[in-house]
C-alpha atoms as a PDB file:
ATOM      1  CA  UNK A   1      -6.715  32.101  20.129  1.00  0.00           C
ATOM      2  CA  UNK A   2      -4.951  31.093  16.912  1.00  0.00           C
ATOM      3  CA  UNK A   3      -8.343  30.626  15.274  1.00  0.00           C
ATOM      4  CA  UNK A   4      -9.232  34.234  16.120  1.00  0.00           C
ATOM      5  CA  UNK A   5      -5.917  35.501  14.738  1.00  0.00           C
ATOM      6  CA  UNK A   6      -6.333  33.346  11.624  1.00  0.00           C
ATOM      7  CA  UNK A   7      -9.896  34.678  11.217  1.00  0.00           C
ATOM      8  CA  UNK A   8      -8.702  38.286  11.515  1.00  0.00           C
ATOM      9  CA  UNK A   9      -5.939  37.663   8.928  1.00  0.00           C
ATOM     10  CA  UNK A  10      -8.425  36.032   6.520  1.00  0.00           C
ATOM     11  CA  UNK A  11     -10.869  38.939   6.958  1.00  0.00           C
ATOM     12  CA  UNK A  12      -8.019  41.461   6.439  1.00  0.00           C
ATOM     13  CA  UNK A  13      -6.928  39.663   3.234  1.00  0.00           C
ATOM     14  CA  UNK A  14     -10.513  39.583   1.950  1.00  0.00           C
ATOM     15  CA  UNK A  15     -10.951  43.291   2.707  1.00  0.00           C
ATOM     16  CA  UNK A  16      -7.639  44.011   0.966  1.00  0.00           C
ATOM     17  CA  UNK A  17      -8.662  42.015  -2.128  1.00  0.00           C
ATOM     18  CA  UNK A  18     -12.042  43.776  -2.226  1.00  0.00           C
ATOM     19  CA  UNK A  19     -10.317  47.142  -1.893  1.00  0.00           C
ATOM     20  CA  UNK A  20      -7.921  46.452  -4.790  1.00  0.00           C
ATOM     21  CA  UNK A  21     -10.776  45.026  -6.906  1.00  0.00           C
ATOM     22  CA  UNK A  22     -12.912  48.115  -6.258  1.00  0.00           C
ATOM     23  CA  UNK A  23     -10.005  50.408  -7.057  1.00  0.00           C
ATOM     24  CA  UNK A  24      -9.424  48.680 -10.413  1.00  0.00           C
ATOM     25  CA  UNK A  25     -13.142  48.783 -11.172  1.00  0.00           C
ATOM     26  CA  UNK A  26     -13.329  52.511 -10.371  1.00  0.00           C
ATOM     27  CA  UNK A  27     -10.377  53.180 -12.665  1.00  0.00           C
ATOM     28  CA  UNK A  28     -12.010  51.176 -15.469  1.00  0.00           C
ATOM     29  CA  UNK A  29     -15.231  53.147 -14.989  1.00  0.00           C
ATOM     30  CA  UNK A  30     -13.238  56.372 -15.094  1.00  0.00           C
ATOM     31  CA  UNK A  31     -12.052  55.425 -18.602  1.00  0.00           C
ATOM     32  CA  UNK A  32     -15.641  54.888 -19.736  1.00  0.00           C
ATOM     33  CA  UNK A  33     -16.577  58.243 -18.234  1.00  0.00           C
ATOM     34  CA  UNK A  34     -13.696  59.905 -20.077  1.00  0.00           C
ATOM     35  CA  UNK A  35     -14.796  58.332 -23.383  1.00  0.00           C
ATOM     36  CA  UNK A  36     -18.366  59.444 -22.796  1.00  0.00           C
ATOM     37  CA  UNK A  37     -17.286  62.996 -21.973  1.00  0.00           C
ATOM     38  CA  UNK A  38     -15.074  63.161 -25.037  1.00  0.00           C
ATOM     39  CA  UNK A  39     -17.874  61.859 -27.251  1.00  0.00           C
ATOM     40  CA  UNK A  40     -20.168  64.554 -25.855  1.00  0.00           C
ATOM     41  CA  UNK A  41     -17.572  67.185 -26.775  1.00  0.00           C
ATOM     42  CA  UNK A  42     -17.222  65.789 -30.304  1.00  0.00           C
ATOM     43  CA  UNK A  43     -21.000  65.819 -30.712  1.00  0.00           C
ATOM     44  CA  UNK A  44     -21.178  69.376 -29.395  1.00  0.00           C
ATOM     45  CA  UNK A  45     -18.522  70.517 -31.854  1.00  0.00           C
ATOM     46  CA  UNK A  46     -20.068  68.714 -34.820  1.00  0.00           C
ATOM     47  CA  UNK A  47     -23.479  70.274 -34.138  1.00  0.00           C
ATOM     48  CA  UNK A  48     -22.524  73.697 -32.799  1.00  0.00           C
ATOM     49  CA  UNK A  49     -19.835  74.895 -35.201  1.00  0.00           C
ATOM     50  CA  UNK A  50     -21.790  74.324 -38.448  1.00  0.00           C
ATOM     51  CA  UNK A  51     -24.836  76.031 -36.906  1.00  0.00           C
ATOM     52  CA  UNK A  52     -22.772  79.037 -35.837  1.00  0.00           C
ATOM     53  CA  UNK A  53     -21.227  79.252 -39.307  1.00  0.00           C
ATOM     54  CA  UNK A  54     -24.731  79.253 -40.797  1.00  0.00           C
ATOM     55  CA  UNK A  55     -25.782  82.091 -38.488  1.00  0.00           C
ATOM     56  CA  UNK A  56     -22.670  84.111 -39.371  1.00  0.00           C
ATOM     57  CA  UNK A  57     -23.250  83.525 -43.085  1.00  0.00           C
ATOM     58  CA  UNK A  58     -26.896  84.624 -42.818  1.00  0.00           C
ATOM     59  CA  UNK A  59     -26.017  87.718 -40.832  1.00  0.00           C
ATOM     60  CA  UNK A  60     -23.219  88.605 -43.237  1.00  0.00           C
ATOM     61  CA  UNK A  61     -25.581  88.233 -46.199  1.00  0.00           C
ATOM     62  CA  UNK A  62     -28.151  90.424 -44.441  1.00  0.00           C
ATOM     63  CA  UNK A  63     -25.581  93.163 -43.836  1.00  0.00           C
ATOM     64  CA  UNK A  64     -24.346  92.885 -47.402  1.00  0.00           C
ATOM     65  CA  UNK A  65     -27.908  93.371 -48.703  1.00  0.00           C
ATOM     66  CA  UNK A  66     -28.481  96.417 -46.498  1.00  0.00           C
ATOM     67  CA  UNK A  67     -25.172  97.976 -47.559  1.00  0.00           C
ATOM     68  CA  UNK A  68     -25.962  97.369 -51.220  1.00  0.00           C
ATOM     69  CA  UNK A  69     -29.371  99.062 -50.845  1.00  0.00           C
ATOM     70  CA  UNK A  70     -27.850 102.116 -49.194  1.00  0.00           C
ATOM     71  CA  UNK A  71     -25.152 102.255 -51.859  1.00  0.00           C
ATOM     72  CA  UNK A  72     -27.821 102.052 -54.568  1.00  0.00           C
ATOM     73  CA  UNK A  73     -29.788 104.875 -52.955  1.00  0.00           C
ATOM     74  CA  UNK A  74     -26.670 107.024 -52.718  1.00  0.00           C
ATOM     75  CA  UNK A  75     -25.763 106.254 -56.301  1.00  0.00           C
ATOM     76  CA  UNK A  76     -29.285 107.060 -57.461  1.00  0.00           C
ATOM     77  CA  UNK A  77     -29.131 110.352 -55.570  1.00  0.00           C
ATOM     78  CA  UNK A  78     -25.762 111.331 -57.032  1.00  0.00           C
ATOM     79  CA  UNK A  79     -26.789 110.278 -60.558  1.00  0.00           C
ATOM     80  CA  UNK A  80     -30.072 112.179 -60.485  1.00  0.00           C
ATOM     81  CA  UNK A  81     -29.170 115.307 -58.511  1.00  0.00           C
ATOM     82  CA  UNK A  82     -28.081 117.129 -61.623  1.00  0.00           C
ATOM     83  CA  UNK A  83     -31.453 116.566 -63.301  1.00  0.00           C
ATOM     84  CA  UNK A  84     -33.832 116.875 -60.361  1.00  0.00           C
ATOM     85  CA  UNK A  85     -35.241 119.910 -58.678  1.00  0.00           C
ATOM     86  CA  UNK A  86     -34.179 120.784 -55.196  1.00  0.00           C
ATOM     87  CA  UNK A  87     -37.394 119.312 -53.791  1.00  0.00           C
ATOM     88  CA  UNK A  88     -36.834 116.003 -55.607  1.00  0.00           C
ATOM     89  CA  UNK A  89     -33.249 115.890 -54.400  1.00  0.00           C
ATOM     90  CA  UNK A  90     -34.461 116.718 -50.917  1.00  0.00           C
ATOM     91  CA  UNK A  91     -37.046 113.930 -51.099  1.00  0.00           C
ATOM     92  CA  UNK A  92     -34.383 111.445 -52.223  1.00  0.00           C
ATOM     93  CA  UNK A  93     -32.127 112.567 -49.372  1.00  0.00           C
ATOM     94  CA  UNK A  94     -34.979 111.970 -46.902  1.00  0.00           C
ATOM     95  CA  UNK A  95     -35.338 108.436 -48.231  1.00  0.00           C
ATOM     96  CA  UNK A  96     -31.633 107.836 -47.716  1.00  0.00           C
ATOM     97  CA  UNK A  97     -31.789 109.278 -44.205  1.00  0.00           C
ATOM     98  CA  UNK A  98     -34.777 107.068 -43.361  1.00  0.00           C
ATOM     99  CA  UNK A  99     -32.841 104.056 -44.596  1.00  0.00           C
ATOM    100  CA  UNK A 100     -29.816 105.048 -42.508  1.00  0.00           C
ATOM    101  CA  UNK A 101     -31.965 105.652 -39.416  1.00  0.00           C
ATOM    102  CA  UNK A 102     -33.552 102.233 -39.812  1.00  0.00           C
ATOM    103  CA  UNK A 103     -30.181 100.691 -40.480  1.00  0.00           C
ATOM    104  CA  UNK A 104     -29.099  98.517 -37.537  1.00  0.00           C
ATOM    105  CA  UNK A 105     -25.579  98.483 -36.192  1.00  0.00           C
ATOM    106  CA  UNK A 106     -23.336  96.205 -38.166  1.00  0.00           C
ATOM    107  CA  UNK A 107     -22.619  93.156 -36.067  1.00  0.00           C
ATOM    108  CA  UNK A 108     -21.152  90.610 -38.421  1.00  0.00           C
ATOM    109  CA  UNK A 109     -17.754  91.190 -36.833  1.00  0.00           C
ATOM    110  CA  UNK A 110     -19.263  90.339 -33.432  1.00  0.00           C
ATOM    111  CA  UNK A 111     -20.769  87.178 -34.902  1.00  0.00           C
ATOM    112  CA  UNK A 112     -17.382  86.208 -36.364  1.00  0.00           C
ATOM    113  CA  UNK A 113     -15.674  86.853 -33.028  1.00  0.00           C
ATOM    114  CA  UNK A 114     -18.289  84.731 -31.250  1.00  0.00           C
ATOM    115  CA  UNK A 115     -17.755  81.927 -33.766  1.00  0.00           C
ATOM    116  CA  UNK A 116     -13.982  82.152 -33.328  1.00  0.00           C
ATOM    117  CA  UNK A 117     -14.253  82.121 -29.520  1.00  0.00           C
ATOM    118  CA  UNK A 118     -16.706  79.202 -29.491  1.00  0.00           C
ATOM    119  CA  UNK A 119     -14.585  77.208 -31.908  1.00  0.00           C
ATOM    120  CA  UNK A 120     -11.434  77.802 -29.861  1.00  0.00           C
ATOM    121  CA  UNK A 121     -13.241  76.935 -26.641  1.00  0.00           C
ATOM    122  CA  UNK A 122     -14.615  73.734 -28.183  1.00  0.00           C
ATOM    123  CA  UNK A 123     -11.158  72.631 -29.332  1.00  0.00           C
ATOM    124  CA  UNK A 124      -9.676  73.412 -25.911  1.00  0.00           C
ATOM    125  CA  UNK A 125     -12.380  71.345 -24.202  1.00  0.00           C
ATOM    126  CA  UNK A 126     -11.691  68.433 -26.542  1.00  0.00           C
ATOM    127  CA  UNK A 127      -7.963  68.683 -25.836  1.00  0.00           C
ATOM    128  CA  UNK A 128      -8.680  68.652 -22.092  1.00  0.00           C
ATOM    129  CA  UNK A 129     -10.973  65.658 -22.562  1.00  0.00           C
ATOM    130  CA  UNK A 130      -8.236  63.813 -24.434  1.00  0.00           C
ATOM    131  CA  UNK A 131      -5.761  64.535 -21.645  1.00  0.00           C
ATOM    132  CA  UNK A 132      -8.275  63.249 -19.073  1.00  0.00           C
ATOM    133  CA  UNK A 133      -8.830  60.068 -21.106  1.00  0.00           C
ATOM    134  CA  UNK A 134      -5.106  59.525 -21.466  1.00  0.00           C
ATOM    135  CA  UNK A 135      -4.539  60.005 -17.738  1.00  0.00           C
ATOM    136  CA  UNK A 136      -7.426  57.637 -16.937  1.00  0.00           C
ATOM    137  CA  UNK A 137      -6.042  54.898 -19.185  1.00  0.00           C
ATOM    138  CA  UNK A 138      -2.550  55.366 -17.793  1.00  0.00           C
ATOM    139  CA  UNK A 139      -3.832  55.190 -14.202  1.00  0.00           C
ATOM    140  CA  UNK A 140      -5.885  52.054 -14.877  1.00  0.00           C
ATOM    141  CA  UNK A 141      -3.096  50.248 -16.740  1.00  0.00           C
ATOM    142  CA  UNK A 142      -0.634  51.214 -14.010  1.00  0.00           C
ATOM    143  CA  UNK A 143      -2.957  49.675 -11.426  1.00  0.00           C
ATOM    144  CA  UNK A 144      -3.048  46.442 -13.438  1.00  0.00           C
ATOM    145  CA  UNK A 145       0.680  46.275 -13.986  1.00  0.00           C
ATOM    146  CA  UNK A 146       1.805  46.794 -10.387  1.00  0.00           C
ATOM    147  CA  UNK A 147       1.529  44.482  -7.422  1.00  0.00           C
ATOM    148  CA  UNK A 148      -0.987  43.545  -6.033  1.00  0.00           C
ATOM    149  CA  UNK A 149      -3.271  44.850  -8.803  1.00  0.00           C
ATOM    150  CA  UNK A 150      -1.643  42.608 -11.389  1.00  0.00           C
ATOM    151  CA  UNK A 151      -2.370  39.470  -9.352  1.00  0.00           C
ATOM    152  CA  UNK A 152      -5.889  40.426  -8.293  1.00  0.00           C
ATOM    153  CA  UNK A 153      -6.737  41.917 -11.677  1.00  0.00           C
ATOM    154  CA  UNK A 154      -5.712  38.786 -13.553  1.00  0.00           C
ATOM    155  CA  UNK A 155      -7.737  36.587 -11.180  1.00  0.00           C
ATOM    156  CA  UNK A 156     -10.875  38.670 -11.818  1.00  0.00           C
ATOM    157  CA  UNK A 157     -10.409  39.039 -15.575  1.00  0.00           C
ATOM    158  CA  UNK A 158      -9.302  42.668 -15.734  1.00  0.00           C
ATOM    159  CA  UNK A 159      -7.471  43.429 -18.981  1.00  0.00           C
ATOM    160  CA  UNK A 160      -5.207  46.320 -19.826  1.00  0.00           C
ATOM    161  CA  UNK A 161      -7.013  48.974 -21.748  1.00  0.00           C
ATOM    162  CA  UNK A 162      -5.708  49.308 -25.256  1.00  0.00           C
ATOM    163  CA  UNK A 163      -5.213  52.803 -26.529  1.00  0.00           C
ATOM    164  CA  UNK A 164      -7.791  53.584 -29.131  1.00  0.00           C
ATOM    165  CA  UNK A 165      -6.533  55.623 -31.982  1.00  0.00           C
ATOM    166  CA  UNK A 166      -8.747  58.230 -33.566  1.00  0.00           C
ATOM    167  CA  UNK A 167     -10.240  57.441 -36.939  1.00  0.00           C
ATOM    168  CA  UNK A 168      -8.826  59.450 -39.819  1.00  0.00           C
ATOM    169  CA  UNK A 169     -11.996  61.565 -39.989  1.00  0.00           C
ATOM    170  CA  UNK A 170     -11.674  62.379 -36.278  1.00  0.00           C
ATOM    171  CA  UNK A 171      -8.113  63.556 -36.728  1.00  0.00           C
ATOM    172  CA  UNK A 172      -9.195  66.156 -39.224  1.00  0.00           C
ATOM    173  CA  UNK A 173     -10.070  69.590 -37.946  1.00  0.00           C
ATOM    174  CA  UNK A 174     -13.354  71.062 -38.973  1.00  0.00           C
ATOM    175  CA  UNK A 175     -12.627  72.978 -42.180  1.00  0.00           C
ATOM    176  CA  UNK A 176     -14.077  76.493 -41.860  1.00  0.00           C
ATOM    177  CA  UNK A 177     -13.660  77.187 -45.572  1.00  0.00           C
ATOM    178  CA  UNK A 178     -15.778  74.164 -46.459  1.00  0.00           C
ATOM    179  CA  UNK A 179     -18.436  75.232 -43.971  1.00  0.00           C
ATOM    180  CA  UNK A 180     -18.614  78.760 -45.404  1.00  0.00           C
ATOM    181  CA  UNK A 181     -18.715  77.512 -48.981  1.00  0.00           C
ATOM    182  CA  UNK A 182     -21.616  75.109 -48.462  1.00  0.00           C
END
């Protein structure tokens, strides 16, 4: 009878040790997941924001060109009206009207708003990712510093996770002025 009780106690201790080991391992994996997610957000930001800035710059240049052409046509019309016949002035006015009819809605402001929203959203996602990483590290280290995790963790070679500080380049925000001036 004592052998059965001793066997049950040994099995219970083994199950308990396995449970604590698995819990520590899950927490350690959660940190790796948090790092991976944060890296994905950094990659997204580093690829997406410059591309959006390029699109906004191209669209702005396009609108600028169209506005300059219409301004030139209007200027040409006002400069030459005094010297042209009514039919020539009428013809020039038709050209301006055709240009205006073909003129698309200005949307650079929409592109800028989209860039601003995407940039803000990207930064908010990174901030959330950092909070998740911080919570994951705290949870893991707490599990290693409290009983019985500290005993079981040390026996199986678990080490506290050291906080990794961002590199100086990572601490810098993306500089919009630099992106627009490239």
